[in-house]
Amino acid sequence: MPKIKSHRAAGKRFTKTASGKFKRGSANRSHILTKKATKRKRNLRQPHYVRAEDSRRIARQLPYA
């Protein structure tokens, strides 16, 4: 059996945690940050996780994660 290729875009965006969840980055953090409140930007720094209904699809894209 050959190796399964992983989805490269998904591999750059998601990491699997020890509990089996997928960690993701948050949106609205890349540019136009001056008009956003400091509290909002600080909360966007916190780790976010993929919802349960989407994690099965991501697990299929990352077979060796």
PDB file of N, CA and C in Angstrom:
ATOM      1  N   MET A   1       0.838  -1.194   0.000  1.00  0.00           N
ATOM      2  CA  MET A   1       0.000   0.000   0.000  1.00  0.00           C
ATOM      3  C   MET A   1       0.880   1.254   0.000  1.00  0.00           C
ATOM      4  N   PRO A   2       0.639   2.165  -0.936  1.00  0.00           N
ATOM      5  CA  PRO A   2       1.405   3.415  -0.909  1.00  0.00           C
ATOM      6  C   PRO A   2       0.905   4.325   0.209  1.00  0.00           C
ATOM      7  N   LYS A   3       1.724   5.315   0.514  1.00  0.00           N
ATOM      8  CA  LYS A   3       1.326   6.294   1.520  1.00  0.00           C
ATOM      9  C   LYS A   3       0.179   7.147   0.990  1.00  0.00           C
ATOM     10  N   ILE A   4      -0.659   7.600   1.893  1.00  0.00           N
ATOM     11  CA  ILE A   4      -1.751   8.494   1.523  1.00  0.00           C
ATOM     12  C   ILE A   4      -1.231   9.923   1.600  1.00  0.00           C
ATOM     13  N   LYS A   5      -1.524  10.703   0.576  1.00  0.00           N
ATOM     14  CA  LYS A   5      -1.096  12.103   0.595  1.00  0.00           C
ATOM     15  C   LYS A   5      -2.035  12.895   1.495  1.00  0.00           C
ATOM     16  N   SER A   6      -1.442  13.766   2.290  1.00  0.00           N
ATOM     17  CA  SER A   6      -2.257  14.633   3.135  1.00  0.00           C
ATOM     18  C   SER A   6      -2.549  15.928   2.389  1.00  0.00           C
ATOM     19  N   HIS A   7      -3.672  16.545   2.727  1.00  0.00           N
ATOM     20  CA  HIS A   7      -4.087  17.795   2.113  1.00  0.00           C
ATOM     21  C   HIS A   7      -3.185  18.902   2.653  1.00  0.00           C
ATOM     22  N   ARG A   8      -2.361  19.485   1.791  1.00  0.00           N
ATOM     23  CA  ARG A   8      -1.320  20.396   2.252  1.00  0.00           C
ATOM     24  C   ARG A   8      -1.892  21.673   2.864  1.00  0.00           C
ATOM     25  N   ALA A   9      -2.995  22.176   2.321  1.00  0.00           N
ATOM     26  CA  ALA A   9      -3.593  23.388   2.887  1.00  0.00           C
ATOM     27  C   ALA A   9      -4.127  23.121   4.284  1.00  0.00           C
ATOM     28  N   ALA A  10      -4.720  21.949   4.489  1.00  0.00           N
ATOM     29  CA  ALA A  10      -5.225  21.590   5.815  1.00  0.00           C
ATOM     30  C   ALA A  10      -4.062  21.363   6.781  1.00  0.00           C
ATOM     31  N   GLY A  11      -2.960  20.821   6.280  1.00  0.00           N
ATOM     32  CA  GLY A  11      -1.805  20.586   7.131  1.00  0.00           C
ATOM     33  C   GLY A  11      -1.176  21.862   7.645  1.00  0.00           C
ATOM     34  N   LYS A  12      -1.314  22.944   6.891  1.00  0.00           N
ATOM     35  CA  LYS A  12      -0.765  24.222   7.321  1.00  0.00           C
ATOM     36  C   LYS A  12      -1.694  24.958   8.274  1.00  0.00           C
ATOM     37  N   ARG A  13      -2.959  24.582   8.315  1.00  0.00           N
ATOM     38  CA  ARG A  13      -3.941  25.308   9.106  1.00  0.00           C
ATOM     39  C   ARG A  13      -4.329  24.633  10.410  1.00  0.00           C
ATOM     40  N   PHE A  14      -4.203  23.311  10.487  1.00  0.00           N
ATOM     41  CA  PHE A  14      -4.697  22.583  11.643  1.00  0.00           C
ATOM     42  C   PHE A  14      -3.599  21.735  12.266  1.00  0.00           C
ATOM     43  N   THR A  15      -3.623  21.644  13.597  1.00  0.00           N
ATOM     44  CA  THR A  15      -2.739  20.720  14.308  1.00  0.00           C
ATOM     45  C   THR A  15      -3.592  19.885  15.236  1.00  0.00           C
ATOM     46  N   LYS A  16      -3.225  18.630  15.376  1.00  0.00           N
ATOM     47  CA  LYS A  16      -3.982  17.731  16.229  1.00  0.00           C
ATOM     48  C   LYS A  16      -3.427  17.786  17.652  1.00  0.00           C
ATOM     49  N   THR A  17      -4.320  17.860  18.639  1.00  0.00           N
ATOM     50  CA  THR A  17      -3.908  17.911  20.030  1.00  0.00           C
ATOM     51  C   THR A  17      -3.811  16.497  20.589  1.00  0.00           C
ATOM     52  N   ALA A  18      -3.312  16.381  21.805  1.00  0.00           N
ATOM     53  CA  ALA A  18      -3.165  15.064  22.424  1.00  0.00           C
ATOM     54  C   ALA A  18      -4.515  14.418  22.710  1.00  0.00           C
ATOM     55  N   SER A  19      -5.545  15.228  22.911  1.00  0.00           N
ATOM     56  CA  SER A  19      -6.875  14.674  23.184  1.00  0.00           C
ATOM     57  C   SER A  19      -7.611  14.286  21.909  1.00  0.00           C
ATOM     58  N   GLY A  20      -7.027  14.591  20.746  1.00  0.00           N
ATOM     59  CA  GLY A  20      -7.645  14.210  19.484  1.00  0.00           C
ATOM     60  C   GLY A  20      -8.405  15.327  18.801  1.00  0.00           C
ATOM     61  N   LYS A  21      -8.484  16.491  19.429  1.00  0.00           N
ATOM     62  CA  LYS A  21      -9.144  17.631  18.797  1.00  0.00           C
ATOM     63  C   LYS A  21      -8.192  18.288  17.811  1.00  0.00           C
ATOM     64  N   PHE A  22      -8.757  19.125  16.931  1.00  0.00           N
ATOM     65  CA  PHE A  22      -7.943  19.871  15.979  1.00  0.00           C
ATOM     66  C   PHE A  22      -7.941  21.335  16.383  1.00  0.00           C
ATOM     67  N   LYS A  23      -6.736  21.890  16.531  1.00  0.00           N
ATOM     68  CA  LYS A  23      -6.587  23.296  16.877  1.00  0.00           C
ATOM     69  C   LYS A  23      -6.494  24.091  15.585  1.00  0.00           C
ATOM     70  N   ARG A  24      -7.105  25.269  15.589  1.00  0.00           N
ATOM     71  CA  ARG A  24      -7.106  26.116  14.398  1.00  0.00           C
ATOM     72  C   ARG A  24      -6.808  27.543  14.808  1.00  0.00           C
ATOM     73  N   GLY A  25      -6.373  28.326  13.839  1.00  0.00           N
ATOM     74  CA  GLY A  25      -6.181  29.744  14.072  1.00  0.00           C
ATOM     75  C   GLY A  25      -7.500  30.466  13.913  1.00  0.00           C
ATOM     76  N   SER A  26      -7.565  31.694  14.417  1.00  0.00           N
ATOM     77  CA  SER A  26      -8.803  32.449  14.307  1.00  0.00           C
ATOM     78  C   SER A  26      -8.717  33.432  13.160  1.00  0.00           C
ATOM     79  N   ALA A  27      -9.851  33.764  12.594  1.00  0.00           N
ATOM     80  CA  ALA A  27      -9.931  34.737  11.510  1.00  0.00           C
ATOM     81  C   ALA A  27      -9.823  36.148  12.077  1.00  0.00           C
ATOM     82  N   ASN A  28      -9.732  37.126  11.203  1.00  0.00           N
ATOM     83  CA  ASN A  28      -9.692  38.552  11.549  1.00  0.00           C
ATOM     84  C   ASN A  28      -8.454  38.942  12.338  1.00  0.00           C
ATOM     85  N   ARG A  29      -7.322  38.291  12.076  1.00  0.00           N
ATOM     86  CA  ARG A  29      -6.095  38.609  12.795  1.00  0.00           C
ATOM     87  C   ARG A  29      -4.959  39.022  11.877  1.00  0.00           C
ATOM     88  N   SER A  30      -5.206  39.164  10.583  1.00  0.00           N
ATOM     89  CA  SER A  30      -4.092  39.356   9.676  1.00  0.00           C
ATOM     90  C   SER A  30      -3.833  40.815   9.316  1.00  0.00           C
ATOM     91  N   HIS A  31      -4.870  41.609   9.106  1.00  0.00           N
ATOM     92  CA  HIS A  31      -4.654  43.007   8.710  1.00  0.00           C
ATOM     93  C   HIS A  31      -5.845  43.843   9.154  1.00  0.00           C
ATOM     94  N   ILE A  32      -5.721  45.162   8.977  1.00  0.00           N
ATOM     95  CA  ILE A  32      -6.719  46.152   9.430  1.00  0.00           C
ATOM     96  C   ILE A  32      -6.976  45.971  10.929  1.00  0.00           C
ATOM     97  N   LEU A  33      -5.884  45.981  11.701  1.00  0.00           N
ATOM     98  CA  LEU A  33      -5.996  45.740  13.136  1.00  0.00           C
ATOM     99  C   LEU A  33      -6.162  47.028  13.935  1.00  0.00           C
ATOM    100  N   THR A  34      -5.973  48.186  13.319  1.00  0.00           N
ATOM    101  CA  THR A  34      -6.016  49.431  14.086  1.00  0.00           C
ATOM    102  C   THR A  34      -7.428  49.764  14.544  1.00  0.00           C
ATOM    103  N   LYS A  35      -8.419  49.427  13.750  1.00  0.00           N
ATOM    104  CA  LYS A  35      -9.795  49.759  14.122  1.00  0.00           C
ATOM    105  C   LYS A  35     -10.417  48.724  15.065  1.00  0.00           C
ATOM    106  N   LYS A  36      -9.759  47.593  15.264  1.00  0.00           N
ATOM    107  CA  LYS A  36     -10.281  46.561  16.158  1.00  0.00           C
ATOM    108  C   LYS A  36      -9.825  46.838  17.587  1.00  0.00           C
ATOM    109  N   ALA A  37     -10.702  46.571  18.519  1.00  0.00           N
ATOM    110  CA  ALA A  37     -10.414  46.847  19.924  1.00  0.00           C
ATOM    111  C   ALA A  37      -9.317  45.918  20.438  1.00  0.00           C
ATOM    112  N   THR A  38      -8.570  46.395  21.412  1.00  0.00           N
ATOM    113  CA  THR A  38      -7.479  45.599  21.989  1.00  0.00           C
ATOM    114  C   THR A  38      -8.006  44.326  22.617  1.00  0.00           C
ATOM    115  N   LYS A  39      -9.153  44.423  23.266  1.00  0.00           N
ATOM    116  CA  LYS A  39      -9.763  43.247  23.896  1.00  0.00           C
ATOM    117  C   LYS A  39     -10.139  42.201  22.843  1.00  0.00           C
ATOM    118  N   ARG A  40     -10.659  42.666  21.724  1.00  0.00           N
ATOM    119  CA  ARG A  40     -11.044  41.755  20.651  1.00  0.00           C
ATOM    120  C   ARG A  40      -9.827  41.044  20.072  1.00  0.00           C
ATOM    121  N   LYS A  41      -8.748  41.790  19.853  1.00  0.00           N
ATOM    122  CA  LYS A  41      -7.527  41.195  19.310  1.00  0.00           C
ATOM    123  C   LYS A  41      -6.904  40.218  20.300  1.00  0.00           C
ATOM    124  N   ARG A  42      -6.965  40.553  21.580  1.00  0.00           N
ATOM    125  CA  ARG A  42      -6.428  39.670  22.608  1.00  0.00           C
ATOM    126  C   ARG A  42      -7.215  38.362  22.674  1.00  0.00           C
ATOM    127  N   ASN A  43      -8.530  38.437  22.556  1.00  0.00           N
ATOM    128  CA  ASN A  43      -9.355  37.225  22.579  1.00  0.00           C
ATOM    129  C   ASN A  43      -9.151  36.379  21.332  1.00  0.00           C
ATOM    130  N   LEU A  44      -8.781  37.002  20.222  1.00  0.00           N
ATOM    131  CA  LEU A  44      -8.512  36.241  19.001  1.00  0.00           C
ATOM    132  C   LEU A  44      -7.202  35.462  19.093  1.00  0.00           C
ATOM    133  N   ARG A  45      -6.343  35.810  20.052  1.00  0.00           N
ATOM    134  CA  ARG A  45      -5.090  35.088  20.247  1.00  0.00           C
ATOM    135  C   ARG A  45      -5.286  33.738  20.925  1.00  0.00           C
ATOM    136  N   GLN A  46      -6.393  33.560  21.623  1.00  0.00           N
ATOM    137  CA  GLN A  46      -6.634  32.329  22.379  1.00  0.00           C
ATOM    138  C   GLN A  46      -6.755  31.147  21.410  1.00  0.00           C
ATOM    139  N   PRO A  47      -6.438  29.937  21.875  1.00  0.00           N
ATOM    140  CA  PRO A  47      -6.580  28.780  20.977  1.00  0.00           C
ATOM    141  C   PRO A  47      -8.046  28.497  20.672  1.00  0.00           C
ATOM    142  N   HIS A  48      -8.318  28.187  19.421  1.00  0.00           N
ATOM    143  CA  HIS A  48      -9.655  27.821  18.989  1.00  0.00           C
ATOM    144  C   HIS A  48      -9.598  26.401  18.461  1.00  0.00           C
ATOM    145  N   TYR A  49     -10.715  25.705  18.573  1.00  0.00           N
ATOM    146  CA  TYR A  49     -10.767  24.306  18.165  1.00  0.00           C
ATOM    147  C   TYR A  49     -11.841  24.114  17.111  1.00  0.00           C
ATOM    148  N   VAL A  50     -11.619  23.134  16.262  1.00  0.00           N
ATOM    149  CA  VAL A  50     -12.568  22.810  15.207  1.00  0.00           C
ATOM    150  C   VAL A  50     -13.795  22.166  15.833  1.00  0.00           C
ATOM    151  N   ARG A  51     -14.959  22.505  15.337  1.00  0.00           N
ATOM    152  CA  ARG A  51     -16.196  21.928  15.861  1.00  0.00           C
ATOM    153  C   ARG A  51     -16.250  20.434  15.560  1.00  0.00           C
ATOM    154  N   ALA A  52     -17.006  19.713  16.356  1.00  0.00           N
ATOM    155  CA  ALA A  52     -17.053  18.250  16.260  1.00  0.00           C
ATOM    156  C   ALA A  52     -17.570  17.785  14.900  1.00  0.00           C
ATOM    157  N   GLU A  53     -18.533  18.523  14.340  1.00  0.00           N
ATOM    158  CA  GLU A  53     -19.107  18.100  13.059  1.00  0.00           C
ATOM    159  C   GLU A  53     -18.162  18.319  11.885  1.00  0.00           C
ATOM    160  N   ASP A  54     -17.111  19.161  12.067  1.00  0.00           N
ATOM    161  CA  ASP A  54     -16.143  19.384  11.000  1.00  0.00           C
ATOM    162  C   ASP A  54     -14.869  18.573  11.184  1.00  0.00           C
ATOM    163  N   SER A  55     -14.633  18.055  12.395  1.00  0.00           N
ATOM    164  CA  SER A  55     -13.352  17.413  12.677  1.00  0.00           C
ATOM    165  C   SER A  55     -13.184  16.088  11.920  1.00  0.00           C
ATOM    166  N   ARG A  56     -14.269  15.403  11.599  1.00  0.00           N
ATOM    167  CA  ARG A  56     -14.162  14.149  10.843  1.00  0.00           C
ATOM    168  C   ARG A  56     -13.632  14.407   9.439  1.00  0.00           C
ATOM    169  N   ARG A  57     -14.074  15.505   8.839  1.00  0.00           N
ATOM    170  CA  ARG A  57     -13.612  15.865   7.496  1.00  0.00           C
ATOM    171  C   ARG A  57     -12.132  16.239   7.511  1.00  0.00           C
ATOM    172  N   ILE A  58     -11.700  16.946   8.543  1.00  0.00           N
ATOM    173  CA  ILE A  58     -10.298  17.337   8.640  1.00  0.00           C
ATOM    174  C   ILE A  58      -9.426  16.135   8.940  1.00  0.00           C
ATOM    175  N   ALA A  59      -9.928  15.213   9.740  1.00  0.00           N
ATOM    176  CA  ALA A  59      -9.175  13.994  10.029  1.00  0.00           C
ATOM    177  C   ALA A  59      -8.954  13.166   8.766  1.00  0.00           C
ATOM    178  N   ARG A  60      -9.897  13.226   7.849  1.00  0.00           N
ATOM    179  CA  ARG A  60      -9.732  12.519   6.573  1.00  0.00           C
ATOM    180  C   ARG A  60      -8.711  13.207   5.696  1.00  0.00           C
ATOM    181  N   GLN A  61      -8.593  14.517   5.812  1.00  0.00           N
ATOM    182  CA  GLN A  61      -7.616  15.254   5.018  1.00  0.00           C
ATOM    183  C   GLN A  61      -6.208  15.084   5.564  1.00  0.00           C
ATOM    184  N   LEU A  62      -6.082  14.796   6.867  1.00  0.00           N
ATOM    185  CA  LEU A  62      -4.770  14.643   7.496  1.00  0.00           C
ATOM    186  C   LEU A  62      -4.651  13.228   8.076  1.00  0.00           C
ATOM    187  N   PRO A  63      -4.348  12.240   7.238  1.00  0.00           N
ATOM    188  CA  PRO A  63      -4.368  10.854   7.722  1.00  0.00           C
ATOM    189  C   PRO A  63      -3.277  10.533   8.734  1.00  0.00           C
ATOM    190  N   TYR A  64      -2.177  11.263   8.747  1.00  0.00           N
ATOM    191  CA  TYR A  64      -1.085  10.943   9.661  1.00  0.00           C
ATOM    192  C   TYR A  64      -0.953  11.947  10.807  1.00  0.00           C
ATOM    193  N   ALA A  65      -1.964  12.775  11.000  1.00  0.00           N
ATOM    194  CA  ALA A  65      -1.920  13.778  12.075  1.00  0.00           C
ATOM    195  C   ALA A  65      -2.210  13.132  13.420  1.00  0.00           C
TER     196      ALA A  65
END
